[in-house]
Amino acid sequence: MPRATNKPAGRKRKKKILKLAKGYRQGRSRQYKRAKEFAERGLTYAYRDRRQKKRDLRSLWIVRISAACKAGGISYSTFIHGLNTLGINLNRKMLAEMAYSSPEQFNQIVQQVKGVMQNTDKI
């Protein structure tokens, strides 16, 4: 009986790993065993950092909103509380974009929030 080698499937498996390791330095991109180790490691980092990216962007949006609020004379936390009081449902991404690209509109919102918060004596 002839020997079965699983050649097509093995070749496909190795090509997939070497394709993932493309661009790595030295043997990491050419030797299957080393390429497999570093490709798995890279996939682990990619999985982790897809979640980390969301946290980093939210932090960036908060920093931008906070800076624009400080320029308008109000703190970030007071601003967010005032938005909730007014029932303005804008997420932080849109608020940050507004503060960055059209500060005059953002300042109008800040003034509305300041007016509401002065009526409730929270500033």
C-alpha atoms as a PDB file:
ATOM      1  CA  MET A   1       0.000   0.000   0.000  1.00  0.00           C
ATOM      2  CA  PRO A   2       1.428   3.412  -0.881  1.00  0.00           C
ATOM      3  CA  ARG A   3       2.410   5.839   1.822  1.00  0.00           C
ATOM      4  CA  ALA A   4       0.069   8.825   2.404  1.00  0.00           C
ATOM      5  CA  THR A   5       1.924  12.096   2.968  1.00  0.00           C
ATOM      6  CA  ASN A   6      -0.792  14.773   3.330  1.00  0.00           C
ATOM      7  CA  LYS A   7       1.330  16.883   1.023  1.00  0.00           C
ATOM      8  CA  PRO A   8      -1.220  19.386  -0.388  1.00  0.00           C
ATOM      9  CA  ALA A   9      -2.699  20.192   3.022  1.00  0.00           C
ATOM     10  CA  GLY A  10       0.741  20.508   4.641  1.00  0.00           C
ATOM     11  CA  ARG A  11       1.947  22.825   1.885  1.00  0.00           C
ATOM     12  CA  LYS A  12      -1.163  24.963   2.267  1.00  0.00           C
ATOM     13  CA  ARG A  13      -0.670  25.155   6.040  1.00  0.00           C
ATOM     14  CA  LYS A  14       2.974  26.192   5.672  1.00  0.00           C
ATOM     15  CA  LYS A  15       2.239  28.752   2.961  1.00  0.00           C
ATOM     16  CA  LYS A  16      -0.425  30.328   5.174  1.00  0.00           C
ATOM     17  CA  ILE A  17       2.041  30.748   8.057  1.00  0.00           C
ATOM     18  CA  LEU A  18       4.836  32.053   5.805  1.00  0.00           C
ATOM     19  CA  LYS A  19       2.420  34.558   4.276  1.00  0.00           C
ATOM     20  CA  LEU A  20       1.571  35.839   7.774  1.00  0.00           C
ATOM     21  CA  ALA A  21       5.299  36.133   8.551  1.00  0.00           C
ATOM     22  CA  LYS A  22       6.062  38.085   5.374  1.00  0.00           C
ATOM     23  CA  GLY A  23       8.098  41.161   6.203  1.00  0.00           C
ATOM     24  CA  TYR A  24       9.656  39.730   9.351  1.00  0.00           C
ATOM     25  CA  ARG A  25      13.448  39.870   9.549  1.00  0.00           C
ATOM     26  CA  GLN A  26      15.918  37.057   8.866  1.00  0.00           C
ATOM     27  CA  GLY A  27      14.747  33.498   9.496  1.00  0.00           C
ATOM     28  CA  ARG A  28      11.481  34.619  10.987  1.00  0.00           C
ATOM     29  CA  SER A  29      10.077  35.072   7.504  1.00  0.00           C
ATOM     30  CA  ARG A  30      11.666  32.027   5.817  1.00  0.00           C
ATOM     31  CA  GLN A  31      11.975  29.164   8.318  1.00  0.00           C
ATOM     32  CA  TYR A  32       8.627  27.544   8.989  1.00  0.00           C
ATOM     33  CA  LYS A  33       9.211  26.755  12.655  1.00  0.00           C
ATOM     34  CA  ARG A  34      10.395  30.258  13.578  1.00  0.00           C
ATOM     35  CA  ALA A  35       7.817  31.888  11.309  1.00  0.00           C
ATOM     36  CA  LYS A  36       5.053  29.970  13.076  1.00  0.00           C
ATOM     37  CA  GLU A  37       6.205  31.164  16.508  1.00  0.00           C
ATOM     38  CA  PHE A  38       6.384  34.811  15.511  1.00  0.00           C
ATOM     39  CA  ALA A  39       3.226  34.794  13.407  1.00  0.00           C
ATOM     40  CA  GLU A  40       1.251  33.425  16.367  1.00  0.00           C
ATOM     41  CA  ARG A  41       2.828  36.062  18.568  1.00  0.00           C
ATOM     42  CA  GLY A  42       1.883  38.774  16.071  1.00  0.00           C
ATOM     43  CA  LEU A  43      -1.701  37.522  15.910  1.00  0.00           C
ATOM     44  CA  THR A  44      -1.868  37.634  19.705  1.00  0.00           C
ATOM     45  CA  TYR A  45      -0.742  41.261  19.713  1.00  0.00           C
ATOM     46  CA  ALA A  46      -3.194  42.095  16.936  1.00  0.00           C
ATOM     47  CA  TYR A  47      -6.093  40.602  18.917  1.00  0.00           C
ATOM     48  CA  ARG A  48      -5.104  42.494  22.057  1.00  0.00           C
ATOM     49  CA  ASP A  49      -4.516  45.787  20.287  1.00  0.00           C
ATOM     50  CA  ARG A  50      -7.837  45.787  18.452  1.00  0.00           C
ATOM     51  CA  ARG A  51      -9.368  46.235  21.891  1.00  0.00           C
ATOM     52  CA  GLN A  52      -6.655  48.616  23.082  1.00  0.00           C
ATOM     53  CA  LYS A  53      -7.287  50.843  20.057  1.00  0.00           C
ATOM     54  CA  LYS A  54     -10.864  51.469  21.208  1.00  0.00           C
ATOM     55  CA  ARG A  55      -9.618  52.567  24.641  1.00  0.00           C
ATOM     56  CA  ASP A  56      -6.944  54.808  23.154  1.00  0.00           C
ATOM     57  CA  LEU A  57      -9.370  56.538  20.815  1.00  0.00           C
ATOM     58  CA  ARG A  58     -11.893  57.149  23.595  1.00  0.00           C
ATOM     59  CA  SER A  59      -9.117  58.713  25.690  1.00  0.00           C
ATOM     60  CA  LEU A  60      -8.144  60.934  22.773  1.00  0.00           C
ATOM     61  CA  TRP A  61     -11.746  62.078  22.291  1.00  0.00           C
ATOM     62  CA  ILE A  62     -12.068  62.891  25.984  1.00  0.00           C
ATOM     63  CA  VAL A  63      -8.830  64.922  25.941  1.00  0.00           C
ATOM     64  CA  ARG A  64     -10.027  66.913  22.918  1.00  0.00           C
ATOM     65  CA  ILE A  65     -13.440  67.590  24.440  1.00  0.00           C
ATOM     66  CA  SER A  66     -11.875  68.549  27.753  1.00  0.00           C
ATOM     67  CA  ALA A  67      -9.494  71.017  26.100  1.00  0.00           C
ATOM     68  CA  ALA A  68     -12.348  72.640  24.182  1.00  0.00           C
ATOM     69  CA  CYS A  69     -14.461  72.816  27.346  1.00  0.00           C
ATOM     70  CA  LYS A  70     -11.625  74.443  29.299  1.00  0.00           C
ATOM     71  CA  ALA A  71     -11.379  77.073  26.566  1.00  0.00           C
ATOM     72  CA  GLY A  72     -15.102  77.679  27.047  1.00  0.00           C
ATOM     73  CA  GLY A  73     -14.725  78.010  30.816  1.00  0.00           C
ATOM     74  CA  ILE A  74     -16.306  74.747  31.960  1.00  0.00           C
ATOM     75  CA  SER A  75     -14.928  71.406  33.127  1.00  0.00           C
ATOM     76  CA  TYR A  76     -15.347  68.185  31.180  1.00  0.00           C
ATOM     77  CA  SER A  77     -17.425  66.435  33.848  1.00  0.00           C
ATOM     78  CA  THR A  78     -19.751  69.417  34.212  1.00  0.00           C
ATOM     79  CA  PHE A  79     -20.107  69.575  30.453  1.00  0.00           C
ATOM     80  CA  ILE A  80     -21.067  65.890  30.157  1.00  0.00           C
ATOM     81  CA  HIS A  81     -23.515  66.214  33.052  1.00  0.00           C
ATOM     82  CA  GLY A  82     -25.068  69.258  31.403  1.00  0.00           C
ATOM     83  CA  LEU A  83     -25.424  67.399  28.110  1.00  0.00           C
ATOM     84  CA  ASN A  84     -27.267  64.613  29.882  1.00  0.00           C
ATOM     85  CA  THR A  85     -29.489  67.157  31.637  1.00  0.00           C
ATOM     86  CA  LEU A  86     -30.329  68.825  28.329  1.00  0.00           C
ATOM     87  CA  GLY A  87     -30.972  65.462  26.712  1.00  0.00           C
ATOM     88  CA  ILE A  88     -28.372  66.020  23.978  1.00  0.00           C
ATOM     89  CA  ASN A  89     -27.357  62.555  22.825  1.00  0.00           C
ATOM     90  CA  LEU A  90     -24.032  63.113  21.076  1.00  0.00           C
ATOM     91  CA  ASN A  91     -21.333  60.544  21.621  1.00  0.00           C
ATOM     92  CA  ARG A  92     -17.781  61.497  22.521  1.00  0.00           C
ATOM     93  CA  LYS A  93     -16.484  60.764  19.032  1.00  0.00           C
ATOM     94  CA  MET A  94     -18.872  63.286  17.470  1.00  0.00           C
ATOM     95  CA  LEU A  95     -18.245  65.861  20.196  1.00  0.00           C
ATOM     96  CA  ALA A  96     -14.486  65.566  19.702  1.00  0.00           C
ATOM     97  CA  GLU A  97     -14.862  65.902  15.935  1.00  0.00           C
ATOM     98  CA  MET A  98     -17.053  68.961  16.430  1.00  0.00           C
ATOM     99  CA  ALA A  99     -14.576  70.522  18.868  1.00  0.00           C
ATOM    100  CA  TYR A 100     -11.749  69.930  16.391  1.00  0.00           C
ATOM    101  CA  SER A 101     -13.362  70.859  13.079  1.00  0.00           C
ATOM    102  CA  SER A 102     -16.050  73.429  13.996  1.00  0.00           C
ATOM    103  CA  PRO A 103     -15.252  75.041  17.354  1.00  0.00           C
ATOM    104  CA  GLU A 104     -17.913  77.769  16.955  1.00  0.00           C
ATOM    105  CA  GLN A 105     -20.698  75.165  16.966  1.00  0.00           C
ATOM    106  CA  PHE A 106     -19.080  73.397  19.894  1.00  0.00           C
ATOM    107  CA  ASN A 107     -18.934  76.698  21.798  1.00  0.00           C
ATOM    108  CA  GLN A 108     -22.675  77.163  21.221  1.00  0.00           C
ATOM    109  CA  ILE A 109     -23.291  73.814  22.897  1.00  0.00           C
ATOM    110  CA  VAL A 110     -20.933  74.798  25.732  1.00  0.00           C
ATOM    111  CA  GLN A 111     -22.892  78.024  26.241  1.00  0.00           C
ATOM    112  CA  GLN A 112     -26.183  76.092  26.362  1.00  0.00           C
ATOM    113  CA  VAL A 113     -24.736  73.736  28.955  1.00  0.00           C
ATOM    114  CA  LYS A 114     -23.346  76.652  30.999  1.00  0.00           C
ATOM    115  CA  GLY A 115     -26.775  78.290  30.972  1.00  0.00           C
ATOM    116  CA  VAL A 116     -28.472  75.143  32.245  1.00  0.00           C
ATOM    117  CA  MET A 117     -25.826  74.550  34.878  1.00  0.00           C
ATOM    118  CA  GLN A 118     -25.995  78.154  36.155  1.00  0.00           C
ATOM    119  CA  ASN A 119     -29.755  77.781  36.583  1.00  0.00           C
ATOM    120  CA  THR A 120     -29.152  74.741  38.760  1.00  0.00           C
ATOM    121  CA  ASP A 121     -26.223  76.454  40.597  1.00  0.00           C
ATOM    122  CA  LYS A 122     -23.738  73.689  39.796  1.00  0.00           C
ATOM    123  CA  ILE A 123     -20.889  75.776  38.360  1.00  0.00           C
END
